[in-house]
Structure formats: C-alpha cells, structure tokens
C-alpha cells in the first residue's frame, strides 16, 4: 500500500499555536534507529559512532548544519514529511521545550537502538521511545481533551525504522552460522517488534509505515572488512528472513486490531527499487561510501578529518553505514508511491 493511499483528505491544523500547514495527516510520530534519528542522540552520552552532530555530516543541509542526522543532508523521514505536506519533519523528543512543538508530531528515533532493549547501550531503546510517546500523548490530552487527542492520534502517521542493529549485534555475537538458531532469533525479534506495535496501538496509533530490512550485509563497513569486498550473506539472509516473517505477522495483526492500517516497504530487493523508481539510475556508485576512509571508504567513520566526495548525489552510501540524502529521497519516494513488489499490502 502506498502512503498516499492512506489519506483521502488533507488536514489543516486549527489548534491555537499549531503550525499553519496543510498536510495529509495531523502529525507524524517517528520511532527507530539512525536511519530516522534527527538529533535525539545529540543529547545523549553515547559513543561517537552513534552520533552525527559534527562535520562532514550535514554538508548539504541548509547552512551546512550538522543536525545529528546520519546524512550529508536530509534523511528519509524528512522527505516523507515533505511529501505528506509538512514544511519540515517533526523535532527530536529530547529537544522539546513545550507542548506546542508536539503538534506536528515528534521524532523519538535514536541512532544505534533496536527492537531489543539490549541493543545499543546508552541509546533510547524502542521501549523507552514508546514510554516517551506515552508522555506526549498525555500532554496532548491535557491540552486538547481526551477525545480530540484520541482522534488526532488515530489520524496521525507512525513511522518506524528499526531491527537492523539487532541483527548486527546478533551477527557479531554469534557469527550467524547456524540456520536454526538464526531463525529462532528472527522469530523472537519479530515477536518483540509485534509487541511494540501493539503498545503503540493501545496508546492510540492506528496508521503505521514500517521500513523493512534491506541488504544490510552489503554496507561499506562490512565490505571493507571482507577480503573479497563482497557482502556478508549471513546478514543478508537474516534481513530477508525478517521481512519474510514480519509481513504475514503484520497482516494478521491488522486483522485483529480494529482500525489498524499499515504499509510495509521491503527494501531487501534494492536493485528492483532502483530499476523501478524514476531518477534512481543517477546512482553510479553503489558499493563505496562518499565519506570515510580506507577500503570502500567503509573502514572508518565520516568525521571532520575524513575525505568526502564531490558527486554526493551519485553515491548511494554517505558513510560506512548510512545512505546519502539522494538515496534517502529515493527511499521516501518508494514508500510514498507504494512501488509494486516492494510495498505491501
């Protein structure tokens, strides 16, 4: 299902203090990891690998600001927000100072986090992100009343991008060589993910967009550590299995929970996405990062001392883990348009 098919009418906020926008939804609530983080980790004491509030990150953002996005500019959440009619994506939760800032939504995502509480020590776990959202929902109810807040949340869009870091952590802990153990882990991971979705539903969420797992074994970081420069197929297989298990679970969940609607974008077949999406052919470099160091520019982090490419719009990867602004834009386009064979249902 395309995101645009969720919404038949536009929404113009009429609340006192609300930003004057005409959008498809009243608000966007974002949960997940570094692919969705817009600055929450700036406020945390976490390892530098889980921060991006320093150059060269943001080199293509307005005024070249390093906002905490793991990108040379905007990320996918920004582009989805713009496509839905917002001037900007919602602010990071840890930067909020008043309730008015919550009216177009809130971003709870934290780089390095995962579905499991054990993933990404020091980051905002998915459980903690949901707890923060509970605070926001209470604040909205206090400001506008229970019924109006309930309606607002039911019409809002919940964006979720997570699980990649859980699979990375599992791979580095076990080597992911045993298929039976891998399948058990993926099943338990989807169980926990499903529990989180149910929690968000109980707190008022009804409309969900979920980013599926891509070929995480092919990021520059892993290629740089391979003698052949190839992908880590054990991780790719885990990502494929995650999508395979998650999609029917979500369908079943939507049948059980009244009013739940969802769109799941399966980014695993990235080549299909590139072939089927207008403008995607401009990517001339699909393996090496634009910014970093060493083999494939994936051996070290993109920092002020690292070199970075001039043809950033032709690179799919910005740094050793994350896409460029141009690639994020493609990701948003695929999600919004509901590219056949990639987005379900």
Foldseek 3Di string as FASTA:
>chain_A
DFPVVLADAWDADPDVLADGWTFRAFAEEEEAALLQDQAPCVPWDADPVQFFQAPPQQCVAVVSGRRRRPANYDHLQQLLCVVRTDPGHQEALVVDDDLSSCRRHYYPYGHQEALDPPTRPRTQHLVNSLVSVLVNLVRVCVVPNDVVSLVNQQRYEYEYEHDLRVLVVVCVVPVLPDVVVLLVVLVVSLVSVVVSVVSSVVSRHAEYEYEADAQQQQFQQNLLVDPVSGGDVSSLVSSVSNCVVNVVVVVVVPVVRPRHDYKYFACHPVVVLLVQFPPSVLQPAERAAQWADGGSSQNGFRHPPIHGHPPLLNHQHHHRRHGYPNNSSSVNVCNNVVPPPGMDD
